[in-house]
N, C-alpha and C. Protein backbone atom coordinates (compact mmCIF):
# COMPACT_ATOMS: atom_id res chain seq x y z
N MET A 1 0.74 -1.13 0.09
CA MET A 1 -0.10 0.16 0.05
C MET A 1 0.96 1.14 -0.03
N GLN A 2 1.64 1.26 0.75
CA GLN A 2 2.75 2.43 1.21
C GLN A 2 3.42 2.70 -0.40
N LYS A 3 3.89 1.67 -1.10
CA LYS A 3 4.39 2.09 -2.59
C LYS A 3 3.42 2.46 -3.42
N HIS A 4 2.50 1.81 -3.46
CA HIS A 4 1.04 2.95 -4.52
C HIS A 4 0.68 4.01 -4.01
N ARG A 5 0.73 4.65 -2.43
CA ARG A 5 0.48 6.04 -2.11
C ARG A 5 1.68 6.66 -2.63
N GLN A 6 3.02 6.35 -2.73
CA GLN A 6 3.73 7.14 -3.17
C GLN A 6 3.71 7.47 -4.53
N GLN A 7 3.11 6.18 -5.26
CA GLN A 7 2.91 6.83 -6.85
C GLN A 7 1.96 7.86 -6.94
N LEU A 8 0.82 7.61 -6.08
CA LEU A 8 -0.41 8.54 -6.31
C LEU A 8 0.27 9.89 -5.94
N ARG A 9 1.12 10.00 -4.85
CA ARG A 9 1.62 11.13 -4.71
C ARG A 9 2.20 11.91 -5.58
N ARG A 10 3.04 11.27 -6.15
CA ARG A 10 4.01 11.76 -7.27
C ARG A 10 3.29 12.27 -8.66
N HIS A 11 2.09 11.34 -8.69
CA HIS A 11 1.30 11.32 -10.03
C HIS A 11 0.30 12.92 -9.94
N PHE A 12 0.00 13.06 -8.65
CA PHE A 12 -1.38 14.25 -8.34
C PHE A 12 -0.38 15.51 -7.98
N ARG A 13 0.55 15.27 -7.36
CA ARG A 13 1.48 16.35 -7.17
C ARG A 13 2.08 17.33 -8.15
N ALA A 14 2.26 16.29 -9.41
CA ALA A 14 2.64 16.77 -10.79
C ALA A 14 1.65 17.32 -11.45
N ALA A 15 0.39 16.84 -11.36
CA ALA A 15 -0.77 17.21 -12.07
C ALA A 15 -1.17 18.70 -11.46
N ARG A 16 -1.19 19.17 -10.21
CA ARG A 16 -1.10 20.32 -9.62
C ARG A 16 -0.23 21.28 -9.56
N ASN A 17 0.95 20.99 -9.80
CA ASN A 17 2.07 22.03 -10.16
C ASN A 17 2.18 22.04 -11.64
N ASN A 18 1.45 21.27 -12.43
CA ASN A 18 1.30 21.70 -14.12
C ASN A 18 0.35 22.77 -14.21
N LEU A 19 -0.56 22.90 -13.38
CA LEU A 19 -1.61 24.22 -13.77
C LEU A 19 -0.59 25.19 -13.66
N SER A 20 -1.31 26.12 -14.93
CA SER A 20 -0.52 27.62 -15.18
C SER A 20 -0.98 28.57 -14.03
N SER A 21 -0.35 29.50 -13.98
CA SER A 21 -0.38 30.64 -12.80
C SER A 21 -1.82 31.18 -13.25
N ALA A 22 -2.25 31.23 -14.41
CA ALA A 22 -3.62 31.86 -14.54
C ALA A 22 -4.67 30.96 -13.95
N GLU A 23 -4.25 29.63 -14.28
CA GLU A 23 -5.45 28.81 -13.94
C GLU A 23 -5.35 28.58 -12.20
N GLN A 24 -4.49 28.79 -11.69
CA GLN A 24 -4.37 28.82 -10.17
C GLN A 24 -4.91 29.93 -9.51
N VAL A 25 -4.80 31.27 -10.17
CA VAL A 25 -5.65 32.19 -9.83
C VAL A 25 -7.25 32.15 -10.08
N GLN A 26 -7.38 31.73 -11.28
CA GLN A 26 -9.12 31.42 -11.31
C GLN A 26 -9.43 30.39 -10.33
N ALA A 27 -8.66 28.94 -10.11
CA ALA A 27 -9.08 28.35 -9.04
C ALA A 27 -9.20 28.56 -7.24
N SER A 28 -8.58 29.71 -7.49
CA SER A 28 -8.28 30.49 -5.93
C SER A 28 -9.86 30.99 -6.19
N GLN A 29 -10.04 31.69 -6.99
CA GLN A 29 -11.37 32.83 -6.77
C GLN A 29 -12.43 32.18 -6.95
N ALA A 30 -12.53 30.84 -7.68
CA ALA A 30 -13.79 29.79 -7.52
C ALA A 30 -13.95 29.55 -6.18
N LEU A 31 -12.82 28.96 -5.49
CA LEU A 31 -13.05 28.36 -4.34
C LEU A 31 -13.39 29.27 -3.14
N ALA A 32 -13.23 30.63 -3.15
CA ALA A 32 -13.13 31.61 -2.10
C ALA A 32 -14.80 31.98 -2.61
N GLN A 33 -15.07 31.91 -3.79
CA GLN A 33 -16.63 32.29 -3.77
C GLN A 33 -17.52 31.18 -3.17
N GLN A 34 -17.17 30.21 -3.40
CA GLN A 34 -17.89 28.69 -3.00
C GLN A 34 -17.86 28.77 -1.39
N LEU A 35 -16.51 28.94 -0.83
CA LEU A 35 -16.52 28.76 0.81
C LEU A 35 -17.13 30.03 1.16
N LEU A 36 -17.31 31.14 0.84
CA LEU A 36 -17.70 32.16 1.24
C LEU A 36 -19.42 32.06 1.14
N GLN A 37 -20.12 31.39 0.34
CA GLN A 37 -21.44 31.28 -0.11
C GLN A 37 -21.89 30.21 1.06
N TYR A 38 -20.86 28.95 1.17
CA TYR A 38 -20.89 27.89 2.21
C TYR A 38 -21.05 28.48 3.67
N ILE A 39 -20.19 29.11 3.65
CA ILE A 39 -20.18 30.01 5.39
C ILE A 39 -21.17 30.46 5.72
N ALA A 40 -21.69 31.50 4.60
CA ALA A 40 -22.60 32.62 4.86
C ALA A 40 -24.14 31.84 4.94
N ALA A 41 -24.33 30.62 4.66
CA ALA A 41 -25.34 29.72 4.83
C ALA A 41 -25.32 29.07 5.70
N ASN A 42 -24.27 28.86 6.43
CA ASN A 42 -23.99 28.27 7.78
C ASN A 42 -23.67 29.24 8.67
N SER A 43 -24.47 29.58 9.56
CA SER A 43 -24.75 30.89 10.72
C SER A 43 -23.61 30.17 11.76
N ARG A 44 -23.58 29.08 11.99
CA ARG A 44 -22.88 28.64 13.34
C ARG A 44 -21.17 28.47 13.05
N ILE A 45 -20.81 28.93 11.80
CA ILE A 45 -19.58 28.70 11.47
C ILE A 45 -18.93 30.08 12.15
N LYS A 46 -17.99 29.97 12.91
CA LYS A 46 -17.55 31.48 13.33
C LYS A 46 -16.08 31.30 13.24
N THR A 47 -15.48 30.33 13.20
CA THR A 47 -13.87 30.27 12.95
C THR A 47 -13.83 29.29 12.27
N VAL A 48 -12.62 29.67 11.31
CA VAL A 48 -12.25 28.56 9.93
C VAL A 48 -10.69 28.74 9.94
N ALA A 49 -10.37 27.35 9.91
CA ALA A 49 -8.97 27.39 9.88
C ALA A 49 -8.64 27.05 8.50
N VAL A 50 -7.53 27.44 7.86
CA VAL A 50 -6.89 27.35 6.39
C VAL A 50 -5.89 26.92 6.50
N TYR A 51 -4.97 27.25 5.45
CA TYR A 51 -3.72 26.80 5.55
C TYR A 51 -2.59 27.66 4.62
N VAL A 52 -1.61 27.66 4.53
CA VAL A 52 -0.82 28.81 3.52
C VAL A 52 -0.60 27.41 2.59
N SER A 53 -0.84 27.95 1.30
CA SER A 53 -0.42 26.84 0.06
C SER A 53 0.91 26.79 -0.13
N ASN A 54 1.42 25.47 -0.79
CA ASN A 54 2.61 25.30 -1.05
C ASN A 54 2.74 24.06 -2.23
N ASP A 55 3.61 23.87 -2.90
CA ASP A 55 3.69 22.98 -3.76
C ASP A 55 2.45 22.54 -4.66
N GLY A 56 1.83 23.52 -5.24
CA GLY A 56 1.15 23.75 -6.14
C GLY A 56 -0.50 23.72 -5.54
N GLU A 57 -0.72 23.37 -4.29
CA GLU A 57 -2.00 23.43 -3.63
C GLU A 57 -2.56 24.90 -3.86
N ALA A 58 -4.15 24.47 -3.73
CA ALA A 58 -5.21 25.62 -4.00
C ALA A 58 -4.80 26.76 -2.93
N ASP A 59 -4.62 27.97 -3.59
CA ASP A 59 -4.47 29.16 -2.49
C ASP A 59 -5.87 29.78 -2.11
N LEU A 60 -5.60 29.84 -0.87
CA LEU A 60 -6.84 30.33 -0.34
C LEU A 60 -6.77 31.73 0.14
N THR A 61 -5.70 32.57 -0.52
CA THR A 61 -5.60 34.06 0.34
C THR A 61 -6.72 34.86 -0.34
N PRO A 62 -7.63 34.83 -1.38
CA PRO A 62 -8.78 35.59 -1.46
C PRO A 62 -9.73 35.39 -0.68
N LEU A 63 -10.03 33.95 0.18
CA LEU A 63 -10.95 33.61 0.92
C LEU A 63 -10.88 34.43 2.23
N VAL A 64 -9.14 34.45 2.64
CA VAL A 64 -9.00 34.95 3.93
C VAL A 64 -9.01 36.18 3.77
N ALA A 65 -8.72 37.04 3.01
CA ALA A 65 -8.91 38.69 3.01
C ALA A 65 -10.53 38.78 3.20
N ALA A 66 -11.17 37.87 2.29
CA ALA A 66 -12.67 38.22 2.29
C ALA A 66 -13.18 37.87 3.77
N LEU A 67 -12.49 36.89 4.25
CA LEU A 67 -13.31 36.56 5.73
C LEU A 67 -12.62 37.78 6.97
N TRP A 68 -11.70 38.37 6.30
CA TRP A 68 -11.25 39.48 7.34
C TRP A 68 -12.00 40.63 7.34
N GLN A 69 -12.88 40.66 6.39
CA GLN A 69 -13.74 41.82 6.06
C GLN A 69 -15.28 41.31 6.86
N THR A 70 -15.20 40.45 7.48
CA THR A 70 -16.47 39.63 8.21
C THR A 70 -16.14 39.58 9.62
N ASN A 71 -17.10 38.83 10.33
CA ASN A 71 -16.91 38.59 11.66
C ASN A 71 -16.48 37.03 11.93
N ILE A 72 -16.04 36.80 10.77
CA ILE A 72 -15.48 35.21 11.05
C ILE A 72 -13.77 34.99 11.26
N ARG A 73 -13.54 34.48 12.62
CA ARG A 73 -12.12 34.24 12.97
C ARG A 73 -11.54 33.20 11.93
N VAL A 74 -10.26 33.85 11.46
CA VAL A 74 -9.39 32.94 10.65
C VAL A 74 -8.26 32.30 11.61
N ALA A 75 -8.11 31.16 11.44
CA ALA A 75 -6.90 30.17 11.85
C ALA A 75 -5.89 29.44 11.15
N LEU A 76 -4.62 29.63 11.34
CA LEU A 76 -3.53 28.88 10.35
C LEU A 76 -2.84 28.00 11.38
N PRO A 77 -2.41 26.61 10.70
CA PRO A 77 -1.96 25.53 11.67
C PRO A 77 -0.32 25.91 11.62
N VAL A 78 0.50 25.27 12.92
CA VAL A 78 1.64 25.72 13.05
C VAL A 78 2.18 24.39 13.77
N LEU A 79 3.64 24.28 13.25
CA LEU A 79 4.11 22.70 13.91
C LEU A 79 4.05 22.76 15.37
N HIS A 80 3.64 21.81 15.78
CA HIS A 80 3.57 21.82 17.67
C HIS A 80 5.07 21.63 17.88
N PRO A 81 5.30 22.49 18.49
CA PRO A 81 6.98 22.81 19.04
C PRO A 81 7.31 21.88 20.27
N VAL A 82 6.32 20.86 20.76
CA VAL A 82 6.46 20.10 21.69
C VAL A 82 6.07 18.65 21.07
N VAL A 83 4.91 18.40 20.95
CA VAL A 83 4.34 17.18 20.49
C VAL A 83 4.52 16.70 18.83
N LYS A 84 5.74 15.89 18.87
CA LYS A 84 6.13 16.01 17.21
C LYS A 84 5.17 15.25 16.38
N GLY A 85 4.84 15.92 15.22
CA GLY A 85 3.89 15.50 14.17
C GLY A 85 2.91 15.90 14.26
N GLN A 86 2.26 16.66 15.31
CA GLN A 86 1.15 17.25 15.56
C GLN A 86 1.19 18.93 15.29
N LEU A 87 -0.03 19.21 15.11
CA LEU A 87 -0.17 21.03 14.59
C LEU A 87 -1.00 21.47 15.67
N LEU A 88 -0.73 22.79 15.68
CA LEU A 88 -1.64 23.74 16.79
C LEU A 88 -2.14 24.70 15.84
N PHE A 89 -3.08 25.42 15.99
CA PHE A 89 -3.85 26.20 15.25
C PHE A 89 -3.88 27.59 15.99
N LEU A 90 -3.41 28.62 15.16
CA LEU A 90 -3.33 29.93 15.75
C LEU A 90 -4.09 30.74 15.47
N ASN A 91 -4.69 31.82 16.18
CA ASN A 91 -5.34 33.01 15.27
C ASN A 91 -4.66 33.86 14.40
N TYR A 92 -5.13 34.11 13.21
CA TYR A 92 -4.45 34.70 12.01
C TYR A 92 -5.06 35.84 11.89
N GLN A 93 -4.47 37.24 11.95
CA GLN A 93 -4.82 38.54 11.54
C GLN A 93 -3.97 39.34 10.46
N PRO A 94 -4.51 40.48 10.04
CA PRO A 94 -3.39 40.95 9.28
C PRO A 94 -1.97 41.31 9.65
N GLU A 95 -1.98 41.36 11.00
CA GLU A 95 -0.87 41.91 11.49
C GLU A 95 -0.07 40.90 11.98
N THR A 96 -0.45 39.65 11.86
CA THR A 96 0.29 38.40 12.39
C THR A 96 1.76 38.38 11.92
N THR A 97 2.62 37.97 12.79
CA THR A 97 3.96 37.94 12.49
C THR A 97 3.99 36.55 12.07
N MET A 98 5.14 36.26 10.77
CA MET A 98 4.94 35.20 10.13
C MET A 98 6.42 34.50 10.14
N ASN A 99 6.73 33.19 10.55
CA ASN A 99 7.78 32.49 10.32
C ASN A 99 7.58 31.68 9.29
N LYS A 100 8.83 30.86 8.66
CA LYS A 100 9.05 29.83 7.98
C LYS A 100 9.51 28.65 8.88
N ASN A 101 8.52 27.68 8.71
CA ASN A 101 8.55 26.44 9.47
C ASN A 101 10.08 25.41 8.99
N GLN A 102 10.27 24.25 9.23
CA GLN A 102 11.13 23.27 8.73
C GLN A 102 10.73 22.77 7.47
N PHE A 103 9.74 23.35 7.00
CA PHE A 103 9.31 22.79 5.59
C PHE A 103 9.48 23.89 4.79
N ALA A 104 9.83 25.16 5.12
CA ALA A 104 9.72 26.38 4.49
C ALA A 104 8.38 27.25 4.15
N ILE A 105 7.39 26.71 5.01
CA ILE A 105 6.12 27.10 4.96
C ILE A 105 5.80 28.10 5.80
N PRO A 106 5.40 29.49 5.38
CA PRO A 106 4.97 30.58 6.62
C PRO A 106 4.21 29.95 7.25
N GLU A 107 4.26 30.31 8.63
CA GLU A 107 3.19 30.08 9.85
C GLU A 107 3.20 31.14 10.85
N PRO A 108 2.31 31.38 11.35
CA PRO A 108 2.26 32.30 12.56
C PRO A 108 3.21 32.03 13.63
N LYS A 109 3.73 33.04 13.98
CA LYS A 109 4.83 33.25 15.37
C LYS A 109 4.14 32.65 16.34
N LEU A 110 4.72 31.55 17.18
CA LEU A 110 4.04 31.09 18.28
C LEU A 110 3.83 31.89 19.36
N ALA A 111 2.51 32.07 19.67
CA ALA A 111 2.15 33.08 20.87
C ALA A 111 0.79 32.16 21.75
N CYS A 112 1.42 32.00 22.97
CA CYS A 112 0.25 30.97 23.65
C CYS A 112 -0.87 31.54 23.69
N GLU A 113 -1.33 33.09 23.55
CA GLU A 113 -2.36 33.50 23.97
C GLU A 113 -3.35 33.39 22.40
N ASN A 114 -2.47 33.29 21.24
CA ASN A 114 -3.32 33.21 20.11
C ASN A 114 -3.78 31.75 19.83
N ILE A 115 -3.51 30.96 20.73
CA ILE A 115 -3.66 29.32 20.29
C ILE A 115 -5.40 29.08 20.26
N LEU A 116 -5.96 28.46 19.24
CA LEU A 116 -7.07 28.08 19.35
C LEU A 116 -7.33 26.64 19.31
N PRO A 117 -7.63 26.11 20.28
CA PRO A 117 -8.20 24.53 20.33
C PRO A 117 -9.27 24.08 19.08
N LEU A 118 -8.88 22.85 18.91
CA LEU A 118 -10.10 22.33 18.01
C LEU A 118 -11.63 22.52 18.77
N ALA A 119 -11.68 22.30 19.73
CA ALA A 119 -13.12 23.05 20.28
C ALA A 119 -13.72 24.08 19.70
N ASN A 120 -12.59 25.17 19.28
CA ASN A 120 -13.36 26.70 19.11
C ASN A 120 -13.30 26.67 17.13
N ILE A 121 -12.89 25.93 16.58
CA ILE A 121 -12.82 25.97 15.22
C ILE A 121 -13.98 25.13 14.74
N ASP A 122 -14.71 25.83 13.89
CA ASP A 122 -15.98 25.30 13.37
C ASP A 122 -15.95 24.55 11.87
N LEU A 123 -14.82 24.90 10.87
CA LEU A 123 -14.89 24.44 9.80
C LEU A 123 -13.10 24.52 9.57
N LEU A 124 -12.64 23.26 9.28
CA LEU A 124 -11.10 23.06 9.08
C LEU A 124 -10.89 22.69 7.80
N CYS A 125 -10.56 23.49 7.12
CA CYS A 125 -9.67 23.56 5.32
C CYS A 125 -8.38 23.08 5.53
N MET A 126 -8.44 21.79 4.80
CA MET A 126 -7.36 20.74 4.80
C MET A 126 -6.82 20.86 3.19
N PRO A 127 -5.53 21.27 2.89
CA PRO A 127 -4.98 20.85 1.85
C PRO A 127 -4.73 19.13 1.81
N LEU A 128 -4.57 18.84 0.39
CA LEU A 128 -4.63 17.38 0.28
C LEU A 128 -3.81 17.07 -1.19
N VAL A 129 -3.27 16.16 -1.49
CA VAL A 129 -2.52 15.52 -2.69
C VAL A 129 -3.74 15.02 -3.94
N ALA A 130 -4.56 14.08 -2.95
CA ALA A 130 -5.69 13.66 -4.09
C ALA A 130 -6.86 13.06 -2.85
N PHE A 131 -7.81 13.04 -3.55
CA PHE A 131 -8.98 12.81 -3.00
C PHE A 131 -10.19 11.86 -3.66
N ASP A 132 -10.92 11.01 -3.39
CA ASP A 132 -12.01 10.27 -4.15
C ASP A 132 -13.33 10.55 -3.64
N ALA A 133 -14.14 9.84 -4.52
CA ALA A 133 -15.38 10.06 -4.39
C ALA A 133 -16.28 9.18 -3.12
N HIS A 134 -15.50 8.79 -1.91
CA HIS A 134 -15.86 8.49 -0.92
C HIS A 134 -15.26 9.14 0.29
N GLY A 135 -14.76 10.48 0.05
CA GLY A 135 -14.07 11.25 1.24
C GLY A 135 -12.81 11.08 1.81
N ASN A 136 -12.27 10.04 1.16
CA ASN A 136 -10.89 9.55 1.33
C ASN A 136 -9.76 10.58 1.02
N ARG A 137 -8.86 11.07 1.73
CA ARG A 137 -7.91 11.94 1.56
C ARG A 137 -6.61 11.39 1.52
N LEU A 138 -5.70 11.75 0.66
CA LEU A 138 -4.28 11.61 0.46
C LEU A 138 -3.40 12.92 0.76
N GLY A 139 -2.68 12.96 1.64
CA GLY A 139 -1.52 14.14 1.92
C GLY A 139 -0.47 13.79 1.75
N MET A 140 0.40 14.85 1.73
CA MET A 140 1.95 14.65 1.78
C MET A 140 2.62 13.66 2.13
N GLY A 141 1.96 12.68 3.54
CA GLY A 141 2.66 11.61 4.00
C GLY A 141 3.19 11.89 5.22
N GLY A 142 3.03 13.04 5.78
CA GLY A 142 3.80 13.34 7.20
C GLY A 142 2.63 13.19 8.35
N GLY A 143 1.39 12.87 7.98
CA GLY A 143 0.34 12.56 8.99
C GLY A 143 0.31 13.42 9.95
N PHE A 144 0.43 14.64 9.71
CA PHE A 144 0.54 15.97 10.59
C PHE A 144 -1.32 16.03 11.04
N TYR A 145 -1.89 15.84 10.25
CA TYR A 145 -3.55 16.34 10.40
C TYR A 145 -3.90 15.01 10.80
N ASP A 146 -3.76 13.95 10.16
CA ASP A 146 -4.45 12.63 11.10
C ASP A 146 -3.83 12.45 12.41
N ARG A 147 -2.72 12.81 12.71
CA ARG A 147 -2.43 12.81 14.36
C ARG A 147 -3.16 13.49 15.06
N THR A 148 -3.34 15.03 14.69
CA THR A 148 -3.80 16.25 15.13
C THR A 148 -5.29 15.84 15.50
N LEU A 149 -5.99 15.20 14.38
CA LEU A 149 -7.47 14.86 14.89
C LEU A 149 -7.75 13.73 15.22
N ALA A 150 -6.77 13.01 15.78
CA ALA A 150 -7.11 11.58 16.33
C ALA A 150 -8.36 11.57 17.54
N ALA A 151 -8.29 12.85 18.20
CA ALA A 151 -9.58 12.61 19.20
C ALA A 151 -10.83 13.08 18.49
N TYR A 152 -10.50 13.76 17.10
CA TYR A 152 -11.98 13.99 16.31
C TYR A 152 -12.37 12.51 15.88
N GLN A 153 -11.45 11.67 15.68
CA GLN A 153 -11.87 10.33 15.10
C GLN A 153 -12.65 9.48 16.14
N LYS A 154 -12.44 9.95 17.31
CA LYS A 154 -12.97 9.13 18.59
C LYS A 154 -14.22 9.76 18.80
N GLY A 155 -14.68 10.95 18.09
CA GLY A 155 -16.08 11.35 18.45
C GLY A 155 -16.11 12.44 19.41
N ARG A 156 -14.83 13.21 19.57
CA ARG A 156 -14.73 14.53 20.21
C ARG A 156 -14.94 15.59 19.20
N TYR A 157 -15.44 16.67 19.75
CA TYR A 157 -15.36 18.10 18.38
C TYR A 157 -16.39 17.54 17.29
N PRO A 158 -17.80 16.82 18.00
CA PRO A 158 -18.68 16.81 16.78
C PRO A 158 -19.23 17.72 16.12
N HIS A 159 -19.07 18.78 16.48
CA HIS A 159 -19.14 20.18 15.60
C HIS A 159 -18.40 20.60 14.62
N LEU A 160 -16.98 19.93 14.51
CA LEU A 160 -16.13 20.40 13.68
C LEU A 160 -16.48 19.91 12.20
N GLN A 161 -16.20 20.57 11.37
CA GLN A 161 -16.38 20.00 9.83
C GLN A 161 -14.99 20.30 9.24
N LEU A 162 -14.99 18.94 8.48
CA LEU A 162 -13.43 18.67 7.94
C LEU A 162 -13.90 18.99 6.45
N MET A 163 -13.09 20.00 5.57
CA MET A 163 -13.15 19.96 3.96
C MET A 163 -11.92 20.08 3.73
N GLY A 164 -11.86 18.97 2.73
CA GLY A 164 -10.63 19.17 2.04
C GLY A 164 -10.66 20.02 0.42
N ILE A 165 -9.80 20.73 0.53
CA ILE A 165 -9.82 21.75 -0.87
C ILE A 165 -8.63 21.28 -1.68
N ALA A 166 -9.14 21.13 -3.20
CA ALA A 166 -8.42 20.77 -4.07
C ALA A 166 -8.77 21.36 -5.36
N HIS A 167 -7.61 20.84 -6.31
CA HIS A 167 -7.96 21.28 -7.86
C HIS A 167 -8.90 20.28 -8.35
N ASP A 168 -9.54 20.44 -9.37
CA ASP A 168 -10.26 19.34 -10.28
C ASP A 168 -9.51 17.93 -10.59
N CYS A 169 -8.17 18.43 -10.80
CA CYS A 169 -7.27 17.38 -11.25
C CYS A 169 -6.70 16.42 -10.38
N GLN A 170 -6.92 16.97 -8.96
CA GLN A 170 -6.81 15.84 -8.03
C GLN A 170 -7.61 14.71 -7.68
N GLN A 171 -8.55 14.74 -8.15
CA GLN A 171 -9.58 13.84 -7.91
C GLN A 171 -9.18 12.45 -8.50
N ALA A 172 -8.91 11.31 -7.41
CA ALA A 172 -8.49 9.78 -7.71
C ALA A 172 -9.82 9.17 -7.93
N GLU A 173 -9.62 8.07 -8.64
CA GLU A 173 -10.88 7.01 -9.00
C GLU A 173 -11.05 6.27 -7.88
N ALA A 174 -10.17 5.81 -6.90
CA ALA A 174 -10.16 5.39 -5.81
C ALA A 174 -8.85 5.36 -4.63
N LEU A 175 -8.74 5.50 -3.77
CA LEU A 175 -7.44 5.84 -2.65
C LEU A 175 -7.62 4.87 -2.02
N PRO A 176 -6.31 4.18 -1.57
CA PRO A 176 -6.43 3.21 -0.29
C PRO A 176 -6.36 3.76 0.89
N ALA A 177 -7.11 3.27 1.68
CA ALA A 177 -7.29 3.94 2.94
C ALA A 177 -6.73 3.22 4.07
N ALA A 178 -6.08 3.78 5.07
CA ALA A 178 -5.22 2.88 6.34
C ALA A 178 -6.34 3.35 7.52
N ALA A 179 -6.29 2.21 8.55
CA ALA A 179 -7.11 2.62 9.54
C ALA A 179 -6.93 4.16 10.15
N TRP A 180 -5.77 4.69 10.10
CA TRP A 180 -5.49 5.95 10.91
C TRP A 180 -6.06 7.37 10.02
N ASP A 181 -6.43 7.05 8.46
CA ASP A 181 -6.76 8.12 8.12
C ASP A 181 -8.26 8.59 8.26
N ILE A 182 -8.37 9.58 8.17
CA ILE A 182 -9.48 10.38 8.70
C ILE A 182 -10.40 10.81 7.47
N PRO A 183 -11.57 10.41 7.21
CA PRO A 183 -12.21 10.79 5.96
C PRO A 183 -13.16 12.13 6.08
N LEU A 184 -13.15 12.64 5.04
CA LEU A 184 -13.67 13.95 5.04
C LEU A 184 -15.21 14.18 4.85
N GLN A 185 -15.69 15.41 5.40
CA GLN A 185 -17.08 15.70 5.20
C GLN A 185 -17.35 16.11 4.20
N HIS A 186 -16.49 16.79 3.73
CA HIS A 186 -16.61 17.80 2.49
C HIS A 186 -15.19 17.82 1.58
N VAL A 187 -15.32 17.81 0.24
CA VAL A 187 -14.35 18.08 -0.69
C VAL A 187 -14.83 19.28 -1.34
N LEU A 188 -14.13 20.44 -1.51
CA LEU A 188 -14.44 21.63 -2.47
C LEU A 188 -13.51 21.46 -3.58
N THR A 189 -13.60 21.71 -4.88
CA THR A 189 -12.67 21.94 -6.05
C THR A 189 -13.09 23.22 -6.87
N PRO A 190 -12.88 23.74 -7.43
CA PRO A 190 -13.17 24.95 -8.36
C PRO A 190 -14.67 24.71 -8.92
N SER A 191 -14.90 23.46 -9.56
CA SER A 191 -16.04 23.17 -10.10
C SER A 191 -17.05 22.77 -9.06
N LYS A 192 -16.77 22.10 -8.05
CA LYS A 192 -17.90 21.10 -7.27
C LYS A 192 -17.52 21.31 -5.98
N HIS A 193 -18.74 20.89 -5.04
CA HIS A 193 -18.75 20.61 -3.84
C HIS A 193 -19.17 19.19 -3.30
N TRP A 194 -18.08 18.80 -2.97
CA TRP A 194 -18.82 17.10 -2.43
C TRP A 194 -18.98 17.27 -1.13
N GLN A 195 -20.15 16.55 -0.81
CA GLN A 195 -20.49 16.32 0.87
C GLN A 195 -20.72 14.91 0.78
N PHE A 196 -20.21 14.34 2.00
CA PHE A 196 -20.10 13.14 2.24
C PHE A 196 -20.98 12.73 3.55
N ASN A 197 -21.78 11.77 3.42
CA ASN A 197 -22.65 11.44 4.84
C ASN A 197 -22.24 9.88 4.58
N LEU A 198 -21.61 9.29 5.65
CA LEU A 198 -21.38 7.66 5.76
C LEU A 198 -20.80 7.20 4.36
N ASP A 199 -21.71 6.30 4.02
CA ASP A 199 -21.09 5.70 2.53
C ASP A 199 -21.94 6.27 1.31
N THR A 200 -22.63 7.43 1.42
CA THR A 200 -23.23 8.24 0.51
C THR A 200 -22.52 9.44 0.14
N ALA A 201 -22.77 9.98 -0.95
CA ALA A 201 -21.92 11.25 -1.24
C ALA A 201 -22.78 12.09 -2.34
N PHE A 202 -22.79 13.14 -2.38
CA PHE A 202 -23.80 13.82 -3.06
C PHE A 202 -22.87 15.34 -3.73
N THR A 203 -23.33 15.48 -4.90
CA THR A 203 -22.19 16.80 -5.26
C THR A 203 -22.84 18.05 -5.82
N THR A 204 -22.40 19.39 -5.53
CA THR A 204 -22.89 20.28 -6.27
C THR A 204 -22.29 20.98 -7.14
N ASP A 205 -22.50 20.91 -8.29
CA ASP A 205 -21.80 21.78 -9.53
C ASP A 205 -22.04 23.05 -9.35
N SER A 206 -20.82 23.70 -9.02
CA SER A 206 -20.65 25.18 -9.17
C SER A 206 -21.20 25.86 -10.11
N LYS A 207 -21.09 25.53 -11.18
CA LYS A 207 -21.14 26.49 -12.53
C LYS A 207 -22.73 25.97 -12.75
N ALA A 208 -23.60 25.27 -12.03
CA ALA A 208 -24.92 25.17 -11.95
C ALA A 208 -25.86 26.34 -11.16
N GLU A 209 -24.57 26.77 -10.04
CA GLU A 209 -25.35 27.43 -9.14
C GLU A 209 -25.87 28.73 -9.77
């Protein structure tokens, strides 16, 4: 299974990195529009965790800029300084000081007063390498989100919605799933919003809205 996962990662990372700058910008704008519509329709969403794009990932910068104009709080992940392989989420504002982590990805400077526990996050937007029509997610292989969300998998934080963010070219026919993999409730691409409920799924074509 591990060899197959690595092959899939190479394939789908290449696919997203082959997108042109114009395609990336168009995707970013389409994703922001859909996310803003979804958040506006779900009034209980008060805090949204996003990510800083890397390696061809879909960029959520337009979404963040729009959320800052509302009363929605924005959070970003930070590599946990003590618990190896896990993430913390910190409040992210325009004036937040950013540092690059060991992967050269910008993250907020760690400040205890800015930490937001998962109990305070309503929608968690996660990057991914690939997804399938059953809500399975293939990440970069570090396992950071899976370990961080282990308590969620055990039934804690039932309010928390997990949404994978991807380009359309990142959809796989089927992904191998391990016991520790946490399935997604949503996947959002520039053209579709996938919503998963146990073994069923339905999609909304954004072009038809």
